[in-house]
Amino acid sequence: MNDINISYFNDLPHKNIKKVYDSGIKKYTKNDWRVRPIEEDIQHAKDHLVNYFENDAKLEDLEHAICRLFFLLQKKIDQKK
């Protein structure tokens, strides 16, 4: 894994996801997402994706879906520890 150049990740829209995360911190608390059920992250991600693909196709829906998927991924990683 050490020989992989991950600099291409710099081209991804991290700032967009951070914006969603930061707005959530203002509304809830910094680690509130860690105590919510995994099923909630899955459902909210699905809802945002459905809304994006079937309705308005707003960038915010993709940002929120990806943020929820990051939460889900981190929770799954934490479960394996």
N, C-alpha and C. Protein backbone atom coordinates (compact mmCIF):
# COMPACT_ATOMS: atom_id res chain seq x y z
N MET A 1 0.82 -1.19 0.00
CA MET A 1 0.00 0.00 0.00
C MET A 1 0.87 1.27 0.00
N ASN A 2 2.05 1.19 0.57
CA ASN A 2 2.90 2.36 0.66
C ASN A 2 3.39 2.85 -0.70
N ASP A 3 3.41 1.99 -1.69
CA ASP A 3 3.93 2.40 -2.98
C ASP A 3 2.87 3.05 -3.88
N ILE A 4 1.66 3.16 -3.38
CA ILE A 4 0.58 3.76 -4.16
C ILE A 4 0.62 5.28 -3.99
N ASN A 5 0.60 5.97 -5.10
CA ASN A 5 0.56 7.43 -5.08
C ASN A 5 -0.89 7.86 -5.00
N ILE A 6 -1.28 8.43 -3.86
CA ILE A 6 -2.68 8.81 -3.68
C ILE A 6 -2.91 10.30 -3.93
N SER A 7 -1.99 10.95 -4.58
CA SER A 7 -2.15 12.39 -4.81
C SER A 7 -3.38 12.70 -5.66
N TYR A 8 -3.87 11.72 -6.41
CA TYR A 8 -5.06 11.97 -7.23
C TYR A 8 -6.29 12.25 -6.38
N PHE A 9 -6.24 11.89 -5.10
CA PHE A 9 -7.36 12.20 -4.21
C PHE A 9 -7.50 13.71 -4.01
N ASN A 10 -6.45 14.45 -4.24
CA ASN A 10 -6.51 15.90 -4.10
C ASN A 10 -7.48 16.53 -5.08
N ASP A 11 -7.78 15.83 -6.15
CA ASP A 11 -8.71 16.35 -7.16
C ASP A 11 -10.17 16.13 -6.80
N LEU A 12 -10.42 15.36 -5.74
CA LEU A 12 -11.80 15.07 -5.35
C LEU A 12 -12.39 16.23 -4.55
N PRO A 13 -13.70 16.36 -4.53
CA PRO A 13 -14.36 17.52 -3.90
C PRO A 13 -14.49 17.42 -2.37
N HIS A 14 -13.36 17.31 -1.69
CA HIS A 14 -13.38 17.21 -0.23
C HIS A 14 -14.06 18.41 0.43
N LYS A 15 -13.85 19.59 -0.14
CA LYS A 15 -14.41 20.81 0.46
C LYS A 15 -15.94 20.75 0.47
N ASN A 16 -16.53 20.14 -0.54
CA ASN A 16 -17.99 20.03 -0.58
C ASN A 16 -18.51 19.16 0.56
N ILE A 17 -17.81 18.06 0.82
CA ILE A 17 -18.24 17.15 1.88
C ILE A 17 -17.98 17.79 3.25
N LYS A 18 -16.86 18.49 3.37
CA LYS A 18 -16.57 19.17 4.63
C LYS A 18 -17.62 20.23 4.93
N LYS A 19 -18.11 20.89 3.90
CA LYS A 19 -19.16 21.90 4.08
C LYS A 19 -20.41 21.26 4.70
N VAL A 20 -20.78 20.08 4.21
CA VAL A 20 -21.94 19.37 4.75
C VAL A 20 -21.67 18.97 6.21
N TYR A 21 -20.48 18.42 6.45
CA TYR A 21 -20.10 18.00 7.80
C TYR A 21 -20.12 19.19 8.76
N ASP A 22 -19.53 20.30 8.35
CA ASP A 22 -19.48 21.50 9.20
C ASP A 22 -20.87 22.05 9.51
N SER A 23 -21.76 22.01 8.53
CA SER A 23 -23.12 22.50 8.79
C SER A 23 -23.83 21.56 9.77
N GLY A 24 -23.52 20.28 9.71
CA GLY A 24 -24.09 19.33 10.67
C GLY A 24 -23.60 19.56 12.08
N ILE A 25 -22.32 19.92 12.20
CA ILE A 25 -21.75 20.22 13.53
C ILE A 25 -22.48 21.41 14.15
N LYS A 26 -22.81 22.40 13.35
CA LYS A 26 -23.53 23.57 13.87
C LYS A 26 -24.94 23.20 14.31
N LYS A 27 -25.55 22.26 13.58
CA LYS A 27 -26.93 21.87 13.88
C LYS A 27 -27.00 20.85 15.01
N TYR A 28 -26.04 19.94 15.04
CA TYR A 28 -26.02 18.88 16.07
C TYR A 28 -24.75 19.05 16.91
N THR A 29 -23.95 18.02 17.02
CA THR A 29 -22.66 18.10 17.70
C THR A 29 -21.62 17.43 16.81
N LYS A 30 -20.36 17.62 17.16
CA LYS A 30 -19.28 17.13 16.31
C LYS A 30 -19.35 15.63 16.06
N ASN A 31 -19.60 14.85 17.07
CA ASN A 31 -19.60 13.40 16.91
C ASN A 31 -20.98 12.78 16.98
N ASP A 32 -22.00 13.57 16.80
CA ASP A 32 -23.38 13.08 16.83
C ASP A 32 -23.59 11.94 15.83
N TRP A 33 -22.96 12.01 14.69
CA TRP A 33 -23.13 11.00 13.65
C TRP A 33 -22.65 9.62 14.11
N ARG A 34 -21.70 9.61 15.05
CA ARG A 34 -21.15 8.33 15.51
C ARG A 34 -22.14 7.51 16.33
N VAL A 35 -23.11 8.16 16.96
CA VAL A 35 -24.04 7.44 17.81
C VAL A 35 -25.37 7.11 17.11
N ARG A 36 -25.56 7.66 15.94
CA ARG A 36 -26.78 7.34 15.19
C ARG A 36 -26.67 5.94 14.60
N PRO A 37 -27.78 5.24 14.47
CA PRO A 37 -27.76 3.88 13.90
C PRO A 37 -27.26 3.88 12.46
N ILE A 38 -26.56 2.83 12.10
CA ILE A 38 -26.06 2.66 10.73
C ILE A 38 -27.22 2.70 9.74
N GLU A 39 -28.33 2.12 10.11
CA GLU A 39 -29.50 2.09 9.23
C GLU A 39 -29.96 3.49 8.86
N GLU A 40 -29.79 4.42 9.77
CA GLU A 40 -30.17 5.81 9.50
C GLU A 40 -29.27 6.40 8.41
N ASP A 41 -27.97 6.11 8.48
CA ASP A 41 -27.05 6.60 7.44
C ASP A 41 -27.41 6.00 6.09
N ILE A 42 -27.71 4.72 6.07
CA ILE A 42 -28.07 4.05 4.83
C ILE A 42 -29.33 4.67 4.24
N GLN A 43 -30.34 4.85 5.07
CA GLN A 43 -31.62 5.38 4.57
C GLN A 43 -31.47 6.81 4.08
N HIS A 44 -30.75 7.63 4.83
CA HIS A 44 -30.58 9.02 4.41
C HIS A 44 -29.77 9.12 3.12
N ALA A 45 -28.74 8.29 2.99
CA ALA A 45 -27.96 8.28 1.75
C ALA A 45 -28.85 7.88 0.58
N LYS A 46 -29.66 6.84 0.77
CA LYS A 46 -30.60 6.41 -0.28
C LYS A 46 -31.56 7.52 -0.64
N ASP A 47 -32.12 8.16 0.38
CA ASP A 47 -33.09 9.24 0.13
C ASP A 47 -32.47 10.36 -0.70
N HIS A 48 -31.26 10.75 -0.36
CA HIS A 48 -30.59 11.82 -1.12
C HIS A 48 -30.30 11.38 -2.55
N LEU A 49 -29.90 10.12 -2.73
CA LEU A 49 -29.61 9.65 -4.09
C LEU A 49 -30.88 9.55 -4.93
N VAL A 50 -31.95 9.06 -4.33
CA VAL A 50 -33.23 8.99 -5.05
C VAL A 50 -33.67 10.40 -5.44
N ASN A 51 -33.57 11.32 -4.50
CA ASN A 51 -33.97 12.69 -4.79
C ASN A 51 -33.11 13.27 -5.92
N TYR A 52 -31.83 12.98 -5.90
CA TYR A 52 -30.94 13.48 -6.95
C TYR A 52 -31.32 12.92 -8.30
N PHE A 53 -31.50 11.61 -8.38
CA PHE A 53 -31.72 10.97 -9.68
C PHE A 53 -33.16 11.06 -10.19
N GLU A 54 -34.11 11.20 -9.27
CA GLU A 54 -35.51 11.19 -9.72
C GLU A 54 -36.19 12.54 -9.65
N ASN A 55 -35.57 13.49 -9.02
CA ASN A 55 -36.24 14.78 -8.85
C ASN A 55 -35.39 15.93 -9.38
N ASP A 56 -34.84 16.71 -8.49
CA ASP A 56 -34.21 17.97 -8.87
C ASP A 56 -32.76 17.90 -9.30
N ALA A 57 -32.08 16.81 -9.04
CA ALA A 57 -30.66 16.65 -9.37
C ALA A 57 -29.83 17.80 -8.80
N LYS A 58 -30.02 18.07 -7.51
CA LYS A 58 -29.27 19.14 -6.85
C LYS A 58 -27.95 18.59 -6.33
N LEU A 59 -26.92 19.38 -6.49
CA LEU A 59 -25.59 19.01 -6.02
C LEU A 59 -25.61 18.70 -4.52
N GLU A 60 -26.42 19.43 -3.77
CA GLU A 60 -26.49 19.22 -2.33
C GLU A 60 -26.91 17.79 -1.98
N ASP A 61 -27.78 17.21 -2.78
CA ASP A 61 -28.19 15.83 -2.51
C ASP A 61 -27.02 14.86 -2.66
N LEU A 62 -26.19 15.07 -3.65
CA LEU A 62 -25.01 14.22 -3.81
C LEU A 62 -24.04 14.44 -2.65
N GLU A 63 -23.84 15.68 -2.27
CA GLU A 63 -22.93 15.97 -1.15
C GLU A 63 -23.40 15.31 0.13
N HIS A 64 -24.68 15.40 0.41
CA HIS A 64 -25.22 14.81 1.63
C HIS A 64 -25.17 13.28 1.57
N ALA A 65 -25.46 12.71 0.43
CA ALA A 65 -25.39 11.26 0.29
C ALA A 65 -23.97 10.76 0.52
N ILE A 66 -23.00 11.43 -0.07
CA ILE A 66 -21.61 11.02 0.10
C ILE A 66 -21.15 11.18 1.54
N CYS A 67 -21.56 12.24 2.18
CA CYS A 67 -21.22 12.45 3.59
C CYS A 67 -21.78 11.30 4.44
N ARG A 68 -23.02 10.93 4.19
CA ARG A 68 -23.63 9.82 4.93
C ARG A 68 -22.91 8.50 4.65
N LEU A 69 -22.47 8.32 3.41
CA LEU A 69 -21.73 7.10 3.08
C LEU A 69 -20.36 7.10 3.76
N PHE A 70 -19.74 8.25 3.91
CA PHE A 70 -18.49 8.33 4.68
C PHE A 70 -18.74 7.94 6.13
N PHE A 71 -19.83 8.43 6.71
CA PHE A 71 -20.18 8.04 8.07
C PHE A 71 -20.33 6.52 8.17
N LEU A 72 -21.07 5.96 7.23
CA LEU A 72 -21.30 4.52 7.21
C LEU A 72 -19.98 3.76 7.11
N LEU A 73 -19.12 4.19 6.20
CA LEU A 73 -17.83 3.54 6.02
C LEU A 73 -17.01 3.59 7.31
N GLN A 74 -16.96 4.73 7.96
CA GLN A 74 -16.19 4.85 9.19
C GLN A 74 -16.75 3.95 10.29
N LYS A 75 -18.06 3.88 10.39
CA LYS A 75 -18.68 3.01 11.40
C LYS A 75 -18.34 1.54 11.14
N LYS A 76 -18.34 1.15 9.88
CA LYS A 76 -18.00 -0.23 9.53
C LYS A 76 -16.53 -0.51 9.83
N ILE A 77 -15.66 0.44 9.55
CA ILE A 77 -14.24 0.29 9.87
C ILE A 77 -14.06 0.16 11.38
N ASP A 78 -14.76 1.01 12.14
CA ASP A 78 -14.67 0.96 13.60
C ASP A 78 -15.15 -0.37 14.17
N GLN A 79 -16.16 -0.97 13.55
CA GLN A 79 -16.68 -2.27 14.01
C GLN A 79 -15.64 -3.38 13.88
N LYS A 80 -14.76 -3.25 12.91
CA LYS A 80 -13.73 -4.28 12.68
C LYS A 80 -12.55 -4.17 13.65
N LYS A 81 -12.44 -3.05 14.34
CA LYS A 81 -11.31 -2.86 15.27
C LYS A 81 -11.48 -3.68 16.53
